[in-house]
C-alpha atoms as a PDB file:
ATOM      1  CA  UNK A   1      -6.690 -25.706 -19.353  1.00  0.00           C
ATOM      2  CA  UNK A   2      -8.022 -25.861 -15.852  1.00  0.00           C
ATOM      3  CA  UNK A   3      -4.764 -27.106 -14.708  1.00  0.00           C
ATOM      4  CA  UNK A   4      -2.918 -24.377 -16.408  1.00  0.00           C
ATOM      5  CA  UNK A   5      -5.019 -21.692 -15.323  1.00  0.00           C
ATOM      6  CA  UNK A   6      -4.561 -22.828 -11.732  1.00  0.00           C
ATOM      7  CA  UNK A   7      -0.853 -22.908 -12.034  1.00  0.00           C
ATOM      8  CA  UNK A   8      -1.143 -19.375 -13.216  1.00  0.00           C
ATOM      9  CA  UNK A   9      -3.054 -18.607 -10.133  1.00  0.00           C
ATOM     10  CA  UNK A  10      -0.359 -19.983  -8.042  1.00  0.00           C
ATOM     11  CA  UNK A  11       2.261 -18.129  -9.863  1.00  0.00           C
ATOM     12  CA  UNK A  12       0.354 -14.808  -9.396  1.00  0.00           C
ATOM     13  CA  UNK A  13      -0.489 -15.656  -5.645  1.00  0.00           C
ATOM     14  CA  UNK A  14       3.129 -16.310  -4.877  1.00  0.00           C
ATOM     15  CA  UNK A  15       4.445 -12.949  -6.587  1.00  0.00           C
ATOM     16  CA  UNK A  16       1.646 -11.155  -4.689  1.00  0.00           C
ATOM     17  CA  UNK A  17       2.719 -12.620  -1.439  1.00  0.00           C
ATOM     18  CA  UNK A  18       6.363 -11.884  -1.984  1.00  0.00           C
ATOM     19  CA  UNK A  19       5.718  -8.173  -2.894  1.00  0.00           C
ATOM     20  CA  UNK A  20       3.139  -7.928  -0.095  1.00  0.00           C
ATOM     21  CA  UNK A  21       5.684  -9.489   2.451  1.00  0.00           C
ATOM     22  CA  UNK A  22       8.437  -7.012   1.450  1.00  0.00           C
ATOM     23  CA  UNK A  23       5.973  -4.271   1.669  1.00  0.00           C
ATOM     24  CA  UNK A  24       4.704  -5.371   5.240  1.00  0.00           C
ATOM     25  CA  UNK A  25       8.612  -4.845   6.134  1.00  0.00           C
ATOM     26  CA  UNK A  26       7.978  -1.178   5.522  1.00  0.00           C
ATOM     27  CA  UNK A  27       4.478  -0.706   6.917  1.00  0.00           C
ATOM     28  CA  UNK A  28       1.549  -2.541   8.884  1.00  0.00           C
ATOM     29  CA  UNK A  29       0.574  -5.813   7.272  1.00  0.00           C
ATOM     30  CA  UNK A  30      -2.918  -4.781   7.638  1.00  0.00           C
ATOM     31  CA  UNK A  31      -2.592  -1.316   5.703  1.00  0.00           C
ATOM     32  CA  UNK A  32      -0.635  -2.989   3.122  1.00  0.00           C
ATOM     33  CA  UNK A  33      -3.243  -5.600   2.736  1.00  0.00           C
ATOM     34  CA  UNK A  34      -6.009  -2.746   2.541  1.00  0.00           C
ATOM     35  CA  UNK A  35      -3.904  -0.782  -0.110  1.00  0.00           C
ATOM     36  CA  UNK A  36      -3.602  -4.100  -2.067  1.00  0.00           C
ATOM     37  CA  UNK A  37      -7.263  -4.567  -1.980  1.00  0.00           C
ATOM     38  CA  UNK A  38      -8.218  -1.271  -3.164  1.00  0.00           C
ATOM     39  CA  UNK A  39      -5.452  -1.675  -5.967  1.00  0.00           C
ATOM     40  CA  UNK A  40      -7.021  -4.931  -6.964  1.00  0.00           C
ATOM     41  CA  UNK A  41     -10.589  -3.551  -7.025  1.00  0.00           C
ATOM     42  CA  UNK A  42      -9.456  -0.677  -9.316  1.00  0.00           C
ATOM     43  CA  UNK A  43      -8.177  -3.160 -11.922  1.00  0.00           C
ATOM     44  CA  UNK A  44     -11.101  -5.759 -11.505  1.00  0.00           C
ATOM     45  CA  UNK A  45     -13.903  -3.228 -12.338  1.00  0.00           C
ATOM     46  CA  UNK A  46     -12.587  -2.923 -16.170  1.00  0.00           C
ATOM     47  CA  UNK A  47     -12.046  -6.552 -16.237  1.00  0.00           C
ATOM     48  CA  UNK A  48     -15.584  -7.223 -15.356  1.00  0.00           C
ATOM     49  CA  UNK A  49     -16.738  -5.085 -18.164  1.00  0.00           C
ATOM     50  CA  UNK A  50     -14.599  -6.798 -20.601  1.00  0.00           C
ATOM     51  CA  UNK A  51     -15.308 -10.382 -19.538  1.00  0.00           C
ATOM     52  CA  UNK A  52     -19.054  -9.722 -19.334  1.00  0.00           C
ATOM     53  CA  UNK A  53     -21.363 -11.996 -17.225  1.00  0.00           C
ATOM     54  CA  UNK A  54     -24.575 -11.773 -15.532  1.00  0.00           C
ATOM     55  CA  UNK A  55     -24.529  -9.965 -12.105  1.00  0.00           C
ATOM     56  CA  UNK A  56     -27.033 -11.636  -9.598  1.00  0.00           C
ATOM     57  CA  UNK A  57     -27.673 -11.589  -5.876  1.00  0.00           C
ATOM     58  CA  UNK A  58     -26.392 -15.247  -5.732  1.00  0.00           C
ATOM     59  CA  UNK A  59     -23.031 -14.260  -7.570  1.00  0.00           C
ATOM     60  CA  UNK A  60     -22.590 -11.318  -5.403  1.00  0.00           C
ATOM     61  CA  UNK A  61     -23.763 -12.787  -2.022  1.00  0.00           C
ATOM     62  CA  UNK A  62     -21.370 -15.818  -2.459  1.00  0.00           C
ATOM     63  CA  UNK A  63     -18.478 -13.665  -3.544  1.00  0.00           C
ATOM     64  CA  UNK A  64     -19.209 -11.169  -0.422  1.00  0.00           C
ATOM     65  CA  UNK A  65     -19.177 -14.296   1.987  1.00  0.00           C
ATOM     66  CA  UNK A  66     -16.014 -15.504   0.289  1.00  0.00           C
ATOM     67  CA  UNK A  67     -14.616 -12.018   0.701  1.00  0.00           C
ATOM     68  CA  UNK A  68     -15.282 -11.918   4.491  1.00  0.00           C
ATOM     69  CA  UNK A  69     -13.943 -15.264   5.039  1.00  0.00           C
ATOM     70  CA  UNK A  70     -10.578 -14.348   3.174  1.00  0.00           C
ATOM     71  CA  UNK A  71     -10.090 -11.261   5.146  1.00  0.00           C
ATOM     72  CA  UNK A  72     -11.111 -13.074   8.387  1.00  0.00           C
ATOM     73  CA  UNK A  73      -8.493 -15.806   7.516  1.00  0.00           C
ATOM     74  CA  UNK A  74      -5.958 -13.010   7.075  1.00  0.00           C
ATOM     75  CA  UNK A  75      -6.792 -11.284  10.267  1.00  0.00           C
ATOM     76  CA  UNK A  76      -6.383 -14.494  12.052  1.00  0.00           C
ATOM     77  CA  UNK A  77      -3.253 -15.630  10.347  1.00  0.00           C
ATOM     78  CA  UNK A  78      -1.572 -12.243  11.181  1.00  0.00           C
ATOM     79  CA  UNK A  79      -2.732 -12.643  14.725  1.00  0.00           C
ATOM     80  CA  UNK A  80      -1.339 -16.144  15.223  1.00  0.00           C
ATOM     81  CA  UNK A  81       1.926 -15.156  13.625  1.00  0.00           C
ATOM     82  CA  UNK A  82       2.363 -12.829  16.525  1.00  0.00           C
ATOM     83  CA  UNK A  83       1.477 -15.546  18.923  1.00  0.00           C
ATOM     84  CA  UNK A  84       3.949 -18.383  17.186  1.00  0.00           C
ATOM     85  CA  UNK A  85       5.423 -20.459  16.933  1.00  0.00           C
ATOM     86  CA  UNK A  86       6.089 -19.583  13.329  1.00  0.00           C
ATOM     87  CA  UNK A  87       7.424 -23.093  12.532  1.00  0.00           C
ATOM     88  CA  UNK A  88       3.961 -24.584  12.780  1.00  0.00           C
ATOM     89  CA  UNK A  89       1.845 -21.490  11.933  1.00  0.00           C
ATOM     90  CA  UNK A  90       2.649 -21.195   8.125  1.00  0.00           C
ATOM     91  CA  UNK A  91       2.549 -25.019   7.476  1.00  0.00           C
ATOM     92  CA  UNK A  92      -0.683 -25.416   9.456  1.00  0.00           C
ATOM     93  CA  UNK A  93      -2.427 -22.738   7.639  1.00  0.00           C
ATOM     94  CA  UNK A  94      -1.146 -23.726   4.132  1.00  0.00           C
ATOM     95  CA  UNK A  95      -1.942 -27.375   4.797  1.00  0.00           C
ATOM     96  CA  UNK A  96      -5.716 -26.616   6.039  1.00  0.00           C
ATOM     97  CA  UNK A  97      -6.108 -23.984   3.370  1.00  0.00           C
ATOM     98  CA  UNK A  98      -5.360 -26.569   0.796  1.00  0.00           C
ATOM     99  CA  UNK A  99      -6.933 -29.471   2.178  1.00  0.00           C
ATOM    100  CA  UNK A 100     -10.289 -27.828   2.674  1.00  0.00           C
ATOM    101  CA  UNK A 101     -11.301 -27.448  -0.861  1.00  0.00           C
ATOM    102  CA  UNK A 102      -9.779 -30.719  -1.866  1.00  0.00           C
ATOM    103  CA  UNK A 103     -11.886 -32.571   0.839  1.00  0.00           C
ATOM    104  CA  UNK A 104     -14.915 -30.594  -0.136  1.00  0.00           C
ATOM    105  CA  UNK A 105     -14.524 -31.391  -3.906  1.00  0.00           C
ATOM    106  CA  UNK A 106     -13.913 -35.251  -3.336  1.00  0.00           C
ATOM    107  CA  UNK A 107     -16.158 -35.896  -0.364  1.00  0.00           C
ATOM    108  CA  UNK A 108     -19.103 -33.469  -0.924  1.00  0.00           C
ATOM    109  CA  UNK A 109     -19.056 -32.393  -4.295  1.00  0.00           C
ATOM    110  CA  UNK A 110     -18.669 -36.129  -5.681  1.00  0.00           C
ATOM    111  CA  UNK A 111     -15.524 -35.396  -7.825  1.00  0.00           C
ATOM    112  CA  UNK A 112     -13.825 -38.285  -9.067  1.00  0.00           C
ATOM    113  CA  UNK A 113     -10.040 -38.398  -9.136  1.00  0.00           C
ATOM    114  CA  UNK A 114      -7.884 -40.823 -10.879  1.00  0.00           C
ATOM    115  CA  UNK A 115      -5.029 -42.583  -9.183  1.00  0.00           C
ATOM    116  CA  UNK A 116      -2.512 -40.256 -10.830  1.00  0.00           C
ATOM    117  CA  UNK A 117      -4.431 -37.321  -9.534  1.00  0.00           C
ATOM    118  CA  UNK A 118      -4.834 -38.629  -5.983  1.00  0.00           C
ATOM    119  CA  UNK A 119      -1.034 -39.128  -5.952  1.00  0.00           C
ATOM    120  CA  UNK A 120      -0.436 -35.548  -7.149  1.00  0.00           C
ATOM    121  CA  UNK A 121      -2.850 -34.251  -4.595  1.00  0.00           C
ATOM    122  CA  UNK A 122      -1.126 -36.133  -1.582  1.00  0.00           C
ATOM    123  CA  UNK A 123       2.288 -35.056  -3.123  1.00  0.00           C
ATOM    124  CA  UNK A 124       1.069 -31.596  -3.368  1.00  0.00           C
ATOM    125  CA  UNK A 125      -0.136 -31.278   0.188  1.00  0.00           C
ATOM    126  CA  UNK A 126       3.124 -32.730   1.738  1.00  0.00           C
ATOM    127  CA  UNK A 127       5.041 -30.158  -0.733  1.00  0.00           C
ATOM    128  CA  UNK A 128       3.169 -27.300   0.719  1.00  0.00           C
ATOM    129  CA  UNK A 129       3.884 -28.201   4.292  1.00  0.00           C
ATOM    130  CA  UNK A 130       7.749 -29.059   3.404  1.00  0.00           C
ATOM    131  CA  UNK A 131       8.116 -25.518   1.776  1.00  0.00           C
ATOM    132  CA  UNK A 132       6.021 -23.505   4.589  1.00  0.00           C
ATOM    133  CA  UNK A 133       7.730 -25.314   7.384  1.00  0.00           C
ATOM    134  CA  UNK A 134      10.322 -23.167   9.609  1.00  0.00           C
ATOM    135  CA  UNK A 135      12.743 -25.302  11.754  1.00  0.00           C
ATOM    136  CA  UNK A 136      13.528 -24.843  15.368  1.00  0.00           C
ATOM    137  CA  UNK A 137      10.037 -25.097  16.724  1.00  0.00           C
ATOM    138  CA  UNK A 138       9.763 -26.450  20.363  1.00  0.00           C
ATOM    139  CA  UNK A 139       7.485 -28.864  21.770  1.00  0.00           C
ATOM    140  CA  UNK A 140       6.646 -26.388  24.343  1.00  0.00           C
ATOM    141  CA  UNK A 141       5.408 -23.792  21.674  1.00  0.00           C
ATOM    142  CA  UNK A 142       3.632 -26.229  19.821  1.00  0.00           C
ATOM    143  CA  UNK A 143       1.121 -26.347  22.663  1.00  0.00           C
ATOM    144  CA  UNK A 144       0.368 -22.737  22.307  1.00  0.00           C
ATOM    145  CA  UNK A 145      -2.831 -21.017  20.751  1.00  0.00           C
ATOM    146  CA  UNK A 146      -1.113 -20.157  17.715  1.00  0.00           C
ATOM    147  CA  UNK A 147      -1.319 -23.420  15.424  1.00  0.00           C
ATOM    148  CA  UNK A 148      -5.045 -23.640  16.556  1.00  0.00           C
ATOM    149  CA  UNK A 149      -5.730 -20.139  15.259  1.00  0.00           C
ATOM    150  CA  UNK A 150      -3.510 -20.882  12.182  1.00  0.00           C
ATOM    151  CA  UNK A 151      -5.954 -23.910  11.561  1.00  0.00           C
ATOM    152  CA  UNK A 152      -8.777 -21.430  11.812  1.00  0.00           C
ATOM    153  CA  UNK A 153      -7.095 -19.105   9.255  1.00  0.00           C
ATOM    154  CA  UNK A 154      -6.575 -22.350   7.007  1.00  0.00           C
ATOM    155  CA  UNK A 155     -10.441 -23.191   7.244  1.00  0.00           C
ATOM    156  CA  UNK A 156     -11.228 -19.508   6.304  1.00  0.00           C
ATOM    157  CA  UNK A 157      -8.837 -19.544   3.285  1.00  0.00           C
ATOM    158  CA  UNK A 158     -10.157 -22.828   1.949  1.00  0.00           C
ATOM    159  CA  UNK A 159     -13.617 -21.773   2.245  1.00  0.00           C
ATOM    160  CA  UNK A 160     -12.922 -18.656   0.416  1.00  0.00           C
ATOM    161  CA  UNK A 161     -11.941 -20.955  -2.579  1.00  0.00           C
ATOM    162  CA  UNK A 162     -14.860 -23.108  -2.140  1.00  0.00           C
ATOM    163  CA  UNK A 163     -17.274 -20.321  -2.275  1.00  0.00           C
ATOM    164  CA  UNK A 164     -15.932 -18.849  -5.365  1.00  0.00           C
ATOM    165  CA  UNK A 165     -16.221 -22.256  -7.019  1.00  0.00           C
ATOM    166  CA  UNK A 166     -19.872 -22.387  -5.963  1.00  0.00           C
ATOM    167  CA  UNK A 167     -20.706 -19.120  -7.872  1.00  0.00           C
ATOM    168  CA  UNK A 168     -22.887 -19.252 -11.183  1.00  0.00           C
ATOM    169  CA  UNK A 169     -20.986 -20.210 -14.087  1.00  0.00           C
ATOM    170  CA  UNK A 170     -22.415 -17.248 -16.203  1.00  0.00           C
ATOM    171  CA  UNK A 171     -21.625 -14.683 -13.677  1.00  0.00           C
ATOM    172  CA  UNK A 172     -18.235 -13.766 -14.976  1.00  0.00           C
ATOM    173  CA  UNK A 173     -16.043 -12.117 -12.529  1.00  0.00           C
ATOM    174  CA  UNK A 174     -18.989 -10.292 -10.759  1.00  0.00           C
ATOM    175  CA  UNK A 175     -18.319 -12.669  -7.499  1.00  0.00           C
ATOM    176  CA  UNK A 176     -14.875 -11.146  -7.372  1.00  0.00           C
ATOM    177  CA  UNK A 177     -16.617  -7.678  -7.080  1.00  0.00           C
ATOM    178  CA  UNK A 178     -18.663  -8.872  -3.900  1.00  0.00           C
ATOM    179  CA  UNK A 179     -15.500 -10.514  -2.438  1.00  0.00           C
ATOM    180  CA  UNK A 180     -13.454  -7.137  -2.823  1.00  0.00           C
ATOM    181  CA  UNK A 181     -16.194  -4.948  -1.424  1.00  0.00           C
ATOM    182  CA  UNK A 182     -16.903  -7.252   1.506  1.00  0.00           C
ATOM    183  CA  UNK A 183     -13.031  -7.662   2.434  1.00  0.00           C
ATOM    184  CA  UNK A 184     -12.264  -4.146   2.050  1.00  0.00           C
ATOM    185  CA  UNK A 185     -15.106  -3.174   4.307  1.00  0.00           C
ATOM    186  CA  UNK A 186     -13.938  -5.637   7.194  1.00  0.00           C
ATOM    187  CA  UNK A 187     -10.354  -4.409   6.862  1.00  0.00           C
ATOM    188  CA  UNK A 188     -11.580  -0.809   7.085  1.00  0.00           C
ATOM    189  CA  UNK A 189     -13.593  -1.768  10.247  1.00  0.00           C
ATOM    190  CA  UNK A 190     -10.569  -3.386  11.742  1.00  0.00           C
ATOM    191  CA  UNK A 191      -8.258  -0.416  10.956  1.00  0.00           C
ATOM    192  CA  UNK A 192     -10.876   2.188  12.215  1.00  0.00           C
ATOM    193  CA  UNK A 193     -10.080   0.602  15.809  1.00  0.00           C
ATOM    194  CA  UNK A 194      -6.187   0.506  15.464  1.00  0.00           C
ATOM    195  CA  UNK A 195      -3.820   2.903  14.055  1.00  0.00           C
ATOM    196  CA  UNK A 196      -1.363   1.438  11.685  1.00  0.00           C
ATOM    197  CA  UNK A 197       1.426   3.141   9.535  1.00  0.00           C
ATOM    198  CA  UNK A 198       0.615   3.318   5.977  1.00  0.00           C
ATOM    199  CA  UNK A 199       2.875   2.242   3.214  1.00  0.00           C
ATOM    200  CA  UNK A 200       4.961   4.983   1.465  1.00  0.00           C
ATOM    201  CA  UNK A 201       7.452   5.112  -1.442  1.00  0.00           C
ATOM    202  CA  UNK A 202       8.776   1.720  -2.561  1.00  0.00           C
ATOM    203  CA  UNK A 203       6.483   0.128   0.171  1.00  0.00           C
ATOM    204  CA  UNK A 204       3.588   1.615  -1.533  1.00  0.00           C
ATOM    205  CA  UNK A 205       4.605   0.609  -4.848  1.00  0.00           C
ATOM    206  CA  UNK A 206       4.932  -2.940  -3.562  1.00  0.00           C
ATOM    207  CA  UNK A 207       1.655  -2.940  -1.889  1.00  0.00           C
ATOM    208  CA  UNK A 208      -0.167  -1.858  -5.173  1.00  0.00           C
ATOM    209  CA  UNK A 209       1.648  -4.384  -7.109  1.00  0.00           C
ATOM    210  CA  UNK A 210       0.709  -7.084  -4.591  1.00  0.00           C
ATOM    211  CA  UNK A 211      -2.992  -6.207  -4.686  1.00  0.00           C
ATOM    212  CA  UNK A 212      -2.920  -6.316  -8.454  1.00  0.00           C
ATOM    213  CA  UNK A 213      -1.119  -9.774  -8.650  1.00  0.00           C
ATOM    214  CA  UNK A 214      -3.537 -10.999  -6.057  1.00  0.00           C
ATOM    215  CA  UNK A 215      -6.644 -10.071  -7.994  1.00  0.00           C
ATOM    216  CA  UNK A 216      -5.054 -11.793 -11.115  1.00  0.00           C
ATOM    217  CA  UNK A 217      -4.684 -14.815  -9.114  1.00  0.00           C
ATOM    218  CA  UNK A 218      -8.400 -14.847  -8.028  1.00  0.00           C
ATOM    219  CA  UNK A 219      -9.463 -14.369 -11.584  1.00  0.00           C
ATOM    220  CA  UNK A 220      -7.357 -17.413 -12.808  1.00  0.00           C
ATOM    221  CA  UNK A 221      -8.627 -19.463  -9.959  1.00  0.00           C
ATOM    222  CA  UNK A 222     -12.212 -18.837 -10.695  1.00  0.00           C
ATOM    223  CA  UNK A 223     -11.641 -19.507 -14.361  1.00  0.00           C
ATOM    224  CA  UNK A 224      -9.793 -22.654 -13.430  1.00  0.00           C
ATOM    225  CA  UNK A 225     -12.616 -23.903 -11.301  1.00  0.00           C
ATOM    226  CA  UNK A 226     -15.119 -23.295 -14.262  1.00  0.00           C
ATOM    227  CA  UNK A 227     -12.792 -25.169 -16.475  1.00  0.00           C
ATOM    228  CA  UNK A 228     -11.959 -28.099 -14.325  1.00  0.00           C
ATOM    229  CA  UNK A 229     -12.264 -29.669 -10.907  1.00  0.00           C
ATOM    230  CA  UNK A 230     -12.254 -27.623  -7.623  1.00  0.00           C
ATOM    231  CA  UNK A 231      -9.970 -30.224  -5.869  1.00  0.00           C
ATOM    232  CA  UNK A 232      -7.144 -30.075  -8.602  1.00  0.00           C
ATOM    233  CA  UNK A 233      -7.529 -26.414  -9.169  1.00  0.00           C
ATOM    234  CA  UNK A 234      -7.250 -25.574  -5.439  1.00  0.00           C
ATOM    235  CA  UNK A 235      -4.291 -27.909  -4.847  1.00  0.00           C
ATOM    236  CA  UNK A 236      -2.282 -26.323  -7.770  1.00  0.00           C
ATOM    237  CA  UNK A 237      -3.202 -22.736  -6.708  1.00  0.00           C
ATOM    238  CA  UNK A 238      -2.123 -23.570  -3.278  1.00  0.00           C
ATOM    239  CA  UNK A 239       1.292 -24.163  -4.493  1.00  0.00           C
ATOM    240  CA  UNK A 240       2.043 -20.629  -4.326  1.00  0.00           C
ATOM    241  CA  UNK A 241       4.687 -21.026  -1.156  1.00  0.00           C
ATOM    242  CA  UNK A 242       7.128 -22.584  -3.632  1.00  0.00           C
ATOM    243  CA  UNK A 243       7.027 -19.449  -5.759  1.00  0.00           C
ATOM    244  CA  UNK A 244       7.580 -17.342  -2.752  1.00  0.00           C
ATOM    245  CA  UNK A 245      10.558 -19.516  -1.837  1.00  0.00           C
ATOM    246  CA  UNK A 246      12.215 -19.482  -5.184  1.00  0.00           C
ATOM    247  CA  UNK A 247      11.832 -15.539  -5.558  1.00  0.00           C
ATOM    248  CA  UNK A 248      13.360 -15.075  -2.062  1.00  0.00           C
ATOM    249  CA  UNK A 249      16.264 -17.447  -3.278  1.00  0.00           C
ATOM    250  CA  UNK A 250      16.893 -15.638  -6.450  1.00  0.00           C
ATOM    251  CA  UNK A 251      16.134 -11.938  -5.558  1.00  0.00           C
ATOM    252  CA  UNK A 252      16.975 -11.790  -1.832  1.00  0.00           C
ATOM    253  CA  UNK A 253      19.568 -14.532  -1.922  1.00  0.00           C
ATOM    254  CA  UNK A 254      17.987 -16.477   0.824  1.00  0.00           C
ATOM    255  CA  UNK A 255      19.300 -20.092   1.306  1.00  0.00           C
ATOM    256  CA  UNK A 256      16.643 -22.977   0.924  1.00  0.00           C
ATOM    257  CA  UNK A 257      16.571 -25.357   3.772  1.00  0.00           C
ATOM    258  CA  UNK A 258      16.692 -29.216   2.826  1.00  0.00           C
ATOM    259  CA  UNK A 259      13.086 -29.460   3.752  1.00  0.00           C
ATOM    260  CA  UNK A 260      12.091 -26.455   1.334  1.00  0.00           C
ATOM    261  CA  UNK A 261      14.327 -27.938  -1.284  1.00  0.00           C
ATOM    262  CA  UNK A 262      12.454 -31.382  -1.079  1.00  0.00           C
ATOM    263  CA  UNK A 263       9.280 -29.490  -0.942  1.00  0.00           C
ATOM    264  CA  UNK A 264      10.038 -27.891  -4.252  1.00  0.00           C
ATOM    265  CA  UNK A 265      10.958 -30.975  -5.926  1.00  0.00           C
ATOM    266  CA  UNK A 266       7.901 -32.650  -4.518  1.00  0.00           C
ATOM    267  CA  UNK A 267       5.626 -29.737  -5.877  1.00  0.00           C
ATOM    268  CA  UNK A 268       7.139 -30.272  -9.240  1.00  0.00           C
ATOM    269  CA  UNK A 269       6.213 -33.896  -9.135  1.00  0.00           C
ATOM    270  CA  UNK A 270       2.770 -33.182  -8.003  1.00  0.00           C
ATOM    271  CA  UNK A 271       2.253 -30.695 -10.750  1.00  0.00           C
ATOM    272  CA  UNK A 272       3.421 -33.142 -13.317  1.00  0.00           C
ATOM    273  CA  UNK A 273       1.225 -35.987 -12.143  1.00  0.00           C
ATOM    274  CA  UNK A 274      -1.959 -33.604 -12.266  1.00  0.00           C
ATOM    275  CA  UNK A 275      -1.140 -31.717 -15.505  1.00  0.00           C
ATOM    276  CA  UNK A 276      -0.105 -34.878 -17.214  1.00  0.00           C
END
């Protein structure tokens, strides 16, 4: 059940990223993200009531710390995408973001993986890089600050997942309330110092949809970690770039590179190994 919930999280993250990416073509990525955060918070409040759980300082505090790290990672990611090179930014952030919770679970939390699971994790990490990689990156560009900032963004994304896993098992969805409030506050603080265009029309609808799907992904991931191992749940949920690539192929008719096609195939193999 944990693996299936994590795969549902990856699917939701992928749809959210795809919709958010389209919305960001029509407005600022920061304002699109803020609109998505608010939309996610609006649907989260009734979900918290339905699911139940015990609110506590620990649950809300860990959730708030996770939200701050997630939003910080987003700001860093957007900044390093501007610095480039994009061919290294995306796979670096994706690999580190997937590797941090896996390493935490295995090395620090003492999670024990079977040989089949280890093979699935390794295949999944390689698949994430292959799908996110963009060809044409020069060695000169590789020496820029962009990849280092991307690694920092990946660490922040990975710790977001780790902190959610550390929240009390009886807290229901309350940690996500803390995460949304903290993340939204940080984005508001950033936007108060820089004017950015707000999404309108179809861009607004895409931003709202992205926020709802992102919140669903967080809910499914939190439930996945409570039903199974953090290392496996985080790896499976980190396969969302595969969903983005497939949606772009089907809806925008973008062509897959050979590396991306190999990454999709490897991601399916990794999923089979872990879920089996």
